[in-house]
C-alpha atoms as a PDB file:
ATOM      1  CA  MET A   1     -12.770 -22.042  -4.559  1.00  0.00           C
ATOM      2  CA  ALA A   2      -9.384 -20.976  -5.099  1.00  0.00           C
ATOM      3  CA  VAL A   3      -7.686 -20.195  -1.706  1.00  0.00           C
ATOM      4  CA  PHE A   4      -6.161 -17.227  -0.486  1.00  0.00           C
ATOM      5  CA  ASP A   5      -4.106 -17.403   2.579  1.00  0.00           C
ATOM      6  CA  VAL A   6      -3.317 -14.630   4.945  1.00  0.00           C
ATOM      7  CA  ASN A   7      -0.925 -12.812   6.496  1.00  0.00           C
ATOM      8  CA  HIS A   8       0.151 -13.485  10.757  1.00  0.00           C
ATOM      9  CA  VAL A   9       1.513 -10.410  12.776  1.00  0.00           C
ATOM     10  CA  GLY A  10       4.629 -10.745  14.799  1.00  0.00           C
ATOM     11  CA  SER A  11       4.800  -8.350  17.208  1.00  0.00           C
ATOM     12  CA  LEU A  12       1.646  -5.972  17.253  1.00  0.00           C
ATOM     13  CA  ALA A  13       0.533  -3.205  18.987  1.00  0.00           C
ATOM     14  CA  PRO A  14      -2.602  -4.069  20.825  1.00  0.00           C
ATOM     15  CA  ALA A  15      -5.976  -4.535  19.339  1.00  0.00           C
ATOM     16  CA  VAL A  16      -8.013  -1.614  19.975  1.00  0.00           C
ATOM     17  CA  PRO A  17     -11.437  -3.501  21.085  1.00  0.00           C
ATOM     18  CA  ARG A  18     -14.769  -2.130  19.930  1.00  0.00           C
ATOM     19  CA  GLU A  19     -17.554  -1.645  22.348  1.00  0.00           C
ATOM     20  CA  GLY A  20     -20.320  -4.250  22.923  1.00  0.00           C
ATOM     21  CA  GLY A  21     -23.249  -2.989  21.005  1.00  0.00           C
ATOM     22  CA  ALA A  22     -21.303  -0.457  19.325  1.00  0.00           C
ATOM     23  CA  ALA A  23     -21.881   0.687  15.636  1.00  0.00           C
ATOM     24  CA  SER A  24     -19.893  -1.423  12.958  1.00  0.00           C
ATOM     25  CA  PRO A  25     -16.842   0.869  11.820  1.00  0.00           C
ATOM     26  CA  CYS A  26     -17.345  -0.150   8.347  1.00  0.00           C
ATOM     27  CA  SER A  27     -20.721   2.158   8.357  1.00  0.00           C
ATOM     28  CA  ALA A  28     -18.619   5.041   8.290  1.00  0.00           C
ATOM     29  CA  CYS A  29     -15.261   3.789   6.578  1.00  0.00           C
ATOM     30  CA  SER A  30     -14.264   6.713   4.602  1.00  0.00           C
ATOM     31  CA  ILE A  31     -12.242   4.503   1.965  1.00  0.00           C
ATOM     32  CA  ARG A  32     -15.109   1.422   2.041  1.00  0.00           C
ATOM     33  CA  ASN A  33     -15.184   1.837  -1.568  1.00  0.00           C
ATOM     34  CA  LEU A  34     -11.715   0.980  -2.092  1.00  0.00           C
ATOM     35  CA  THR A  35     -11.751  -2.410   0.523  1.00  0.00           C
ATOM     36  CA  ILE A  36     -12.687  -5.921   0.119  1.00  0.00           C
ATOM     37  CA  CYS A  37     -15.843  -4.931   1.800  1.00  0.00           C
ATOM     38  CA  ALA A  38     -17.038  -2.625  -1.265  1.00  0.00           C
ATOM     39  CA  PRO A  39     -19.349  -4.805  -3.184  1.00  0.00           C
ATOM     40  CA  LEU A  40     -20.983  -6.128   0.344  1.00  0.00           C
ATOM     41  CA  ASN A  41     -23.859  -4.697   1.317  1.00  0.00           C
ATOM     42  CA  ASP A  42     -25.314  -3.803   4.783  1.00  0.00           C
ATOM     43  CA  VAL A  43     -26.028  -6.789   6.102  1.00  0.00           C
ATOM     44  CA  GLU A  44     -23.354  -8.963   4.480  1.00  0.00           C
ATOM     45  CA  GLN A  45     -20.955  -5.985   5.869  1.00  0.00           C
ATOM     46  CA  ALA A  46     -22.427  -6.734   9.664  1.00  0.00           C
ATOM     47  CA  GLN A  47     -20.678 -10.292   9.338  1.00  0.00           C
ATOM     48  CA  MET A  48     -17.733  -8.669   7.513  1.00  0.00           C
ATOM     49  CA  ALA A  49     -17.466  -6.583  10.675  1.00  0.00           C
ATOM     50  CA  ALA A  50     -17.727  -9.417  13.211  1.00  0.00           C
ATOM     51  CA  ILE A  51     -14.743 -10.955  12.077  1.00  0.00           C
ATOM     52  CA  VAL A  52     -12.167  -7.855  12.019  1.00  0.00           C
ATOM     53  CA  THR A  53      -9.774  -6.473  14.618  1.00  0.00           C
ATOM     54  CA  ASN A  54      -8.910  -2.775  14.413  1.00  0.00           C
ATOM     55  CA  VAL A  55      -4.689  -2.660  14.466  1.00  0.00           C
ATOM     56  CA  GLU A  56      -3.009   0.764  15.233  1.00  0.00           C
ATOM     57  CA  ILE A  57       1.124   0.799  14.317  1.00  0.00           C
ATOM     58  CA  GLU A  58       3.322   3.535  14.626  1.00  0.00           C
ATOM     59  CA  ALA A  59       6.245   4.411  11.996  1.00  0.00           C
ATOM     60  CA  GLY A  60       8.767   2.020  11.521  1.00  0.00           C
ATOM     61  CA  THR A  61       7.121  -0.719  13.387  1.00  0.00           C
ATOM     62  CA  PRO A  62       6.801  -3.872  11.561  1.00  0.00           C
ATOM     63  CA  LEU A  63       3.140  -5.790  10.619  1.00  0.00           C
ATOM     64  CA  PHE A  64       4.557  -8.755   9.773  1.00  0.00           C
ATOM     65  CA  ASP A  65       8.066 -10.129   8.444  1.00  0.00           C
ATOM     66  CA  GLU A  66       8.608 -12.534   5.421  1.00  0.00           C
ATOM     67  CA  GLY A  67       8.476 -15.984   6.749  1.00  0.00           C
ATOM     68  CA  GLU A  68       5.835 -15.527   9.345  1.00  0.00           C
ATOM     69  CA  PRO A  69       3.376 -17.737   9.112  1.00  0.00           C
ATOM     70  CA  ALA A  70       0.302 -16.352   6.948  1.00  0.00           C
ATOM     71  CA  ASP A  71      -2.605 -15.988   9.591  1.00  0.00           C
ATOM     72  CA  HIS A  72      -4.639 -12.814   8.792  1.00  0.00           C
ATOM     73  CA  VAL A  73      -4.790 -10.435   5.939  1.00  0.00           C
ATOM     74  CA  PHE A  74      -5.232  -6.312   6.480  1.00  0.00           C
ATOM     75  CA  ASN A  75      -6.729  -3.425   5.108  1.00  0.00           C
ATOM     76  CA  VAL A  76      -4.906  -0.123   5.031  1.00  0.00           C
ATOM     77  CA  THR A  77      -7.634   2.442   6.323  1.00  0.00           C
ATOM     78  CA  ASP A  78      -4.931   5.600   7.625  1.00  0.00           C
ATOM     79  CA  GLY A  79      -1.391   5.743   6.880  1.00  0.00           C
ATOM     80  CA  THR A  80       1.466   4.667   4.475  1.00  0.00           C
ATOM     81  CA  LEU A  81       3.328   0.964   4.476  1.00  0.00           C
ATOM     82  CA  ARG A  82       6.438   0.076   2.361  1.00  0.00           C
ATOM     83  CA  ILE A  83       6.518  -3.657   1.235  1.00  0.00           C
ATOM     84  CA  TYR A  84       9.612  -5.679   0.671  1.00  0.00           C
ATOM     85  CA  LYS A  85      11.996  -8.095   0.388  1.00  0.00           C
ATOM     86  CA  LEU A  86      15.644  -8.702   1.420  1.00  0.00           C
ATOM     87  CA  LEU A  87      18.374  -9.759  -0.775  1.00  0.00           C
ATOM     88  CA  PRO A  88      20.481 -13.023   0.115  1.00  0.00           C
ATOM     89  CA  ASP A  89      23.270 -10.234   0.172  1.00  0.00           C
ATOM     90  CA  GLY A  90      21.484  -8.016   2.950  1.00  0.00           C
ATOM     91  CA  ARG A  91      20.632  -5.806   0.568  1.00  0.00           C
ATOM     92  CA  ARG A  92      16.666  -3.982   0.661  1.00  0.00           C
ATOM     93  CA  GLN A  93      13.782  -4.112  -2.428  1.00  0.00           C
ATOM     94  CA  VAL A  94      11.186  -2.391  -1.721  1.00  0.00           C
ATOM     95  CA  THR A  95       8.622  -3.616  -3.683  1.00  0.00           C
ATOM     96  CA  GLY A  96       5.313  -1.121  -3.268  1.00  0.00           C
ATOM     97  CA  PHE A  97       3.872   1.432  -1.044  1.00  0.00           C
ATOM     98  CA  LEU A  98       0.388   1.226   0.061  1.00  0.00           C
ATOM     99  CA  PHE A  99      -1.836   3.703   1.292  1.00  0.00           C
ATOM    100  CA  ALA A 100      -5.361   3.997   2.859  1.00  0.00           C
ATOM    101  CA  GLY A 101      -7.802   1.240   1.267  1.00  0.00           C
ATOM    102  CA  ASP A 102      -4.748  -0.703   0.004  1.00  0.00           C
ATOM    103  CA  PHE A 103      -5.157  -4.827   0.675  1.00  0.00           C
ATOM    104  CA  LEU A 104      -2.397  -6.722   1.800  1.00  0.00           C
ATOM    105  CA  GLY A 105      -1.244 -10.127   3.399  1.00  0.00           C
ATOM    106  CA  LEU A 106      -2.477 -12.567   0.031  1.00  0.00           C
ATOM    107  CA  ALA A 107      -0.192 -15.551   0.129  1.00  0.00           C
ATOM    108  CA  ASN A 108       0.270 -18.265  -2.290  1.00  0.00           C
ATOM    109  CA  ASP A 109       1.806 -20.682   0.771  1.00  0.00           C
ATOM    110  CA  GLU A 110       1.139 -20.787   4.905  1.00  0.00           C
ATOM    111  CA  ASN A 111       4.445 -18.153   4.692  1.00  0.00           C
ATOM    112  CA  TYR A 112       4.178 -14.325   4.198  1.00  0.00           C
ATOM    113  CA  ALA A 113       6.373 -14.156   1.063  1.00  0.00           C
ATOM    114  CA  TYR A 114       7.576 -10.474   1.877  1.00  0.00           C
ATOM    115  CA  SER A 115       7.811  -8.180   4.991  1.00  0.00           C
ATOM    116  CA  ALA A 116       5.550  -4.912   5.583  1.00  0.00           C
ATOM    117  CA  GLU A 117       6.378  -1.992   7.818  1.00  0.00           C
ATOM    118  CA  ALA A 118       4.633   1.227   8.151  1.00  0.00           C
ATOM    119  CA  VAL A 119       6.271   4.106   6.922  1.00  0.00           C
ATOM    120  CA  THR A 120       3.919   6.520   8.886  1.00  0.00           C
ATOM    121  CA  PRO A 121       1.044   5.580  12.044  1.00  0.00           C
ATOM    122  CA  CYS A 122      -0.940   2.915  10.357  1.00  0.00           C
ATOM    123  CA  LYS A 123      -4.535   1.898  11.208  1.00  0.00           C
ATOM    124  CA  LEU A 124      -5.524  -1.347   9.558  1.00  0.00           C
ATOM    125  CA  CYS A 125      -8.377  -3.874   9.566  1.00  0.00           C
ATOM    126  CA  ARG A 126      -7.018  -7.221  10.164  1.00  0.00           C
ATOM    127  CA  PHE A 127      -9.429 -10.363   8.965  1.00  0.00           C
ATOM    128  CA  PRO A 128      -8.325 -13.757  10.152  1.00  0.00           C
ATOM    129  CA  ARG A 129      -7.305 -16.045   7.239  1.00  0.00           C
ATOM    130  CA  GLN A 130      -9.444 -19.285   7.808  1.00  0.00           C
ATOM    131  CA  LYS A 131     -12.472 -16.690   8.881  1.00  0.00           C
ATOM    132  CA  LEU A 132     -12.470 -15.011   5.850  1.00  0.00           C
ATOM    133  CA  GLU A 133     -12.108 -18.158   3.682  1.00  0.00           C
ATOM    134  CA  HIS A 134     -15.663 -19.248   5.303  1.00  0.00           C
ATOM    135  CA  LEU A 135     -17.000 -15.574   3.912  1.00  0.00           C
ATOM    136  CA  MET A 136     -15.719 -16.191   0.976  1.00  0.00           C
ATOM    137  CA  GLU A 137     -17.773 -19.064   0.315  1.00  0.00           C
ATOM    138  CA  ARG A 138     -20.735 -17.181   1.328  1.00  0.00           C
ATOM    139  CA  PHE A 139     -20.003 -14.049  -0.599  1.00  0.00           C
ATOM    140  CA  PRO A 140     -18.518 -15.004  -3.765  1.00  0.00           C
ATOM    141  CA  LYS A 141     -18.214 -11.404  -4.774  1.00  0.00           C
ATOM    142  CA  VAL A 142     -15.709 -11.050  -2.190  1.00  0.00           C
ATOM    143  CA  GLU A 143     -13.188 -13.694  -4.117  1.00  0.00           C
ATOM    144  CA  GLN A 144     -13.897 -11.660  -7.102  1.00  0.00           C
ATOM    145  CA  ARG A 145     -13.102  -8.867  -5.249  1.00  0.00           C
ATOM    146  CA  LEU A 146      -9.888 -10.369  -4.306  1.00  0.00           C
ATOM    147  CA  LEU A 147      -9.078 -11.819  -7.606  1.00  0.00           C
ATOM    148  CA  ASN A 148      -9.050  -8.072  -8.953  1.00  0.00           C
ATOM    149  CA  ILE A 149      -7.105  -7.163  -6.151  1.00  0.00           C
ATOM    150  CA  ALA A 150      -4.683  -9.833  -7.628  1.00  0.00           C
ATOM    151  CA  SER A 151      -4.599  -8.434 -10.523  1.00  0.00           C
ATOM    152  CA  ASN A 152      -3.948  -4.780  -9.767  1.00  0.00           C
ATOM    153  CA  GLU A 153      -0.500  -6.006  -7.890  1.00  0.00           C
ATOM    154  CA  LEU A 154       0.652  -7.596 -11.071  1.00  0.00           C
ATOM    155  CA  ALA A 155      -0.383  -4.604 -13.038  1.00  0.00           C
ATOM    156  CA  ALA A 156       1.893  -3.011 -10.533  1.00  0.00           C
ATOM    157  CA  ALA A 157       4.663  -5.489 -10.969  1.00  0.00           C
ATOM    158  CA  GLN A 158       4.915  -4.937 -14.126  1.00  0.00           C
ATOM    159  CA  GLU A 159       4.994  -1.495 -14.008  1.00  0.00           C
ATOM    160  CA  GLN A 160       7.827  -1.584 -11.397  1.00  0.00           C
ATOM    161  CA  MET A 161      10.049  -3.604 -13.746  1.00  0.00           C
ATOM    162  CA  LEU A 162       9.628  -1.158 -16.712  1.00  0.00           C
ATOM    163  CA  LEU A 163      10.736   1.273 -14.140  1.00  0.00           C
ATOM    164  CA  LEU A 164      13.585  -0.973 -12.904  1.00  0.00           C
ATOM    165  CA  GLY A 165      14.568  -1.551 -16.262  1.00  0.00           C
ATOM    166  CA  ARG A 166      14.313   1.051 -19.194  1.00  0.00           C
ATOM    167  CA  LYS A 167      14.138   4.181 -17.244  1.00  0.00           C
ATOM    168  CA  THR A 168      16.755   7.015 -16.597  1.00  0.00           C
ATOM    169  CA  ALA A 169      16.884   8.069 -12.455  1.00  0.00           C
ATOM    170  CA  ARG A 170      15.056  11.348 -14.249  1.00  0.00           C
ATOM    171  CA  GLU A 171      12.376   9.243 -15.530  1.00  0.00           C
ATOM    172  CA  LYS A 172      12.083   6.901 -12.545  1.00  0.00           C
ATOM    173  CA  ILE A 173      11.273   9.711 -10.268  1.00  0.00           C
ATOM    174  CA  ALA A 174       8.920  11.543 -12.569  1.00  0.00           C
ATOM    175  CA  SER A 175       7.244   8.322 -12.685  1.00  0.00           C
ATOM    176  CA  PHE A 176       7.387   8.055  -8.910  1.00  0.00           C
ATOM    177  CA  LEU A 177       5.762  11.060  -8.490  1.00  0.00           C
ATOM    178  CA  LEU A 178       3.055  10.467 -11.023  1.00  0.00           C
ATOM    179  CA  LEU A 179       1.990   7.465  -9.417  1.00  0.00           C
ATOM    180  CA  LEU A 180       1.611   8.879  -6.162  1.00  0.00           C
ATOM    181  CA  ALA A 181      -0.381  11.627  -7.590  1.00  0.00           C
ATOM    182  CA  ARG A 182      -2.732   8.684  -9.458  1.00  0.00           C
ATOM    183  CA  ARG A 183      -2.532   7.117  -6.125  1.00  0.00           C
ATOM    184  CA  ALA A 184      -4.020  10.241  -4.644  1.00  0.00           C
ATOM    185  CA  ARG A 185      -6.845  10.879  -7.725  1.00  0.00           C
ATOM    186  CA  GLN A 186      -8.412   7.259  -6.794  1.00  0.00           C
ATOM    187  CA  ARG A 187      -8.445   8.422  -2.966  1.00  0.00           C
ATOM    188  CA  GLY A 188     -10.190  11.527  -3.999  1.00  0.00           C
ATOM    189  CA  ARG A 189      -7.212  13.574  -2.456  1.00  0.00           C
ATOM    190  CA  SER A 190      -5.394  16.540  -4.530  1.00  0.00           C
ATOM    191  CA  GLU A 191      -2.755  15.257  -7.344  1.00  0.00           C
ATOM    192  CA  SER A 192      -0.405  18.255  -6.387  1.00  0.00           C
ATOM    193  CA  PRO A 193       0.887  18.846  -3.979  1.00  0.00           C
ATOM    194  CA  VAL A 194       1.071  14.572  -3.184  1.00  0.00           C
ATOM    195  CA  SER A 195       2.163  13.866  -0.013  1.00  0.00           C
ATOM    196  CA  VAL A 196       5.922  11.821  -0.182  1.00  0.00           C
ATOM    197  CA  PRO A 197       5.877  10.051   3.220  1.00  0.00           C
ATOM    198  CA  MET A 198       8.541   7.515   2.188  1.00  0.00           C
ATOM    199  CA  SER A 199      12.434   8.569   2.992  1.00  0.00           C
ATOM    200  CA  ARG A 200      14.640   9.139  -0.085  1.00  0.00           C
ATOM    201  CA  THR A 201      16.157   5.607   0.786  1.00  0.00           C
ATOM    202  CA  ASP A 202      12.773   4.407   0.447  1.00  0.00           C
ATOM    203  CA  ILE A 203      12.470   5.737  -2.954  1.00  0.00           C
ATOM    204  CA  GLY A 204      15.662   4.855  -3.798  1.00  0.00           C
ATOM    205  CA  ASP A 205      15.293   0.837  -2.981  1.00  0.00           C
ATOM    206  CA  PHE A 206      11.855   0.808  -4.438  1.00  0.00           C
ATOM    207  CA  LEU A 207      13.157   2.317  -8.106  1.00  0.00           C
ATOM    208  CA  GLY A 208      16.744   1.045  -7.891  1.00  0.00           C
ATOM    209  CA  LEU A 209      18.535   4.113  -7.371  1.00  0.00           C
ATOM    210  CA  THR A 210      21.208   5.104  -4.056  1.00  0.00           C
ATOM    211  CA  THR A 211      19.925   7.494  -1.688  1.00  0.00           C
ATOM    212  CA  GLU A 212      22.007  10.043  -3.167  1.00  0.00           C
ATOM    213  CA  THR A 213      21.088   9.722  -6.800  1.00  0.00           C
ATOM    214  CA  VAL A 214      17.351  10.526  -5.786  1.00  0.00           C
ATOM    215  CA  SER A 215      18.182  13.407  -3.614  1.00  0.00           C
ATOM    216  CA  ARG A 216      20.032  14.895  -6.664  1.00  0.00           C
ATOM    217  CA  THR A 217      17.326  14.488  -9.325  1.00  0.00           C
ATOM    218  CA  PHE A 218      15.234  15.745  -6.398  1.00  0.00           C
ATOM    219  CA  THR A 219      16.968  19.242  -6.456  1.00  0.00           C
ATOM    220  CA  GLN A 220      17.100  18.951 -10.350  1.00  0.00           C
ATOM    221  CA  LEU A 221      13.950  18.638 -10.877  1.00  0.00           C
ATOM    222  CA  LYS A 222      13.485  21.614  -8.356  1.00  0.00           C
ATOM    223  CA  GLN A 223      16.140  23.691  -9.797  1.00  0.00           C
ATOM    224  CA  SER A 224      14.433  23.008 -12.958  1.00  0.00           C
ATOM    225  CA  SER A 225      11.197  24.449 -11.825  1.00  0.00           C
ATOM    226  CA  LEU A 226       9.481  21.314 -12.432  1.00  0.00           C
ATOM    227  CA  ILE A 227       8.354  20.441  -8.657  1.00  0.00           C
ATOM    228  CA  ARG A 228       8.379  22.391  -5.645  1.00  0.00           C
ATOM    229  CA  LEU A 229       9.746  20.810  -1.890  1.00  0.00           C
ATOM    230  CA  LEU A 230       6.860  22.020   0.934  1.00  0.00           C
ATOM    231  CA  PRO A 231       6.733  21.487   3.949  1.00  0.00           C
ATOM    232  CA  ASN A 232       5.139  17.921   5.716  1.00  0.00           C
ATOM    233  CA  ASN A 233       7.083  16.175   2.933  1.00  0.00           C
ATOM    234  CA  GLU A 234       4.368  17.008  -0.097  1.00  0.00           C
ATOM    235  CA  VAL A 235       5.689  18.269  -3.322  1.00  0.00           C
ATOM    236  CA  GLU A 236       3.866  20.256  -5.609  1.00  0.00           C
ATOM    237  CA  LEU A 237       3.956  19.167  -9.065  1.00  0.00           C
ATOM    238  CA  ALA A 238       4.494  22.480 -10.652  1.00  0.00           C
ATOM    239  CA  GLY A 239       5.358  21.053 -14.164  1.00  0.00           C
ATOM    240  CA  ARG A 240       2.576  18.419 -14.285  1.00  0.00           C
ATOM    241  CA  GLU A 241       3.046  18.322 -18.629  1.00  0.00           C
ATOM    242  CA  GLU A 242       6.846  17.964 -18.660  1.00  0.00           C
ATOM    243  CA  LEU A 243       7.133  15.635 -15.867  1.00  0.00           C
ATOM    244  CA  GLU A 244       4.773  13.161 -17.839  1.00  0.00           C
ATOM    245  CA  ASP A 245       7.063  14.390 -21.005  1.00  0.00           C
ATOM    246  CA  ILE A 246      10.208  12.970 -18.906  1.00  0.00           C
ATOM    247  CA  ALA A 247       8.226  10.093 -17.341  1.00  0.00           C
ATOM    248  CA  GLY A 248       7.327   8.906 -20.977  1.00  0.00           C
ATOM    249  CA  GLY A 249       3.386   8.557 -20.821  1.00  0.00           C
ATOM    250  CA  PHE A 250       3.507   6.852 -17.628  1.00  0.00           C
END
């Protein structure tokens, strides 16, 4: 069986303990169908819940840093995370944004291959790597679920390569907004307005654009009545079809 290494946390907020005898929080999880627990029945899920620790971190707090020992993996249950790598010259490349239901921490060796940091206050389920591996031996469908997650990560990486290599700034921003809308739909949320909690700098570091170019392109799309910038970091996709045309069928 393939081994999936899992990520170690450096400085985390204290784990939130469950009271003895309390019902498993998994039973009331609103995004259970998106997590690695999705294929498990109630009995199996109770065994999974026994190894889980609930973690909460504030916006701007690192979950783990690239190069740290990979001792845990995580499921995001609320909030938004950015994952990134630092280039040798100190520049940052954001490689993705993670939302409720997303899984992170898979590693090919003993250390994290990237860093993860909270964009907004986040809640996560934390799984010890070794204990999860033991459960995977008993529940092969969890391993299959992780293989599916790894496959989705590869597809996302291919999409980002297209964004970085072949699209103009206008096409990149349109594609990014449609990506967020698609992710919202997968979670049963409204596609418009869509929540954009990350900063313009975060978006630029993800799309390979300067902060100024990101801000200017948002303004241009707003002036063209294709989007409306709303309070609370929300963006209404007023010209959805036009945005899809700009994005090139993203």
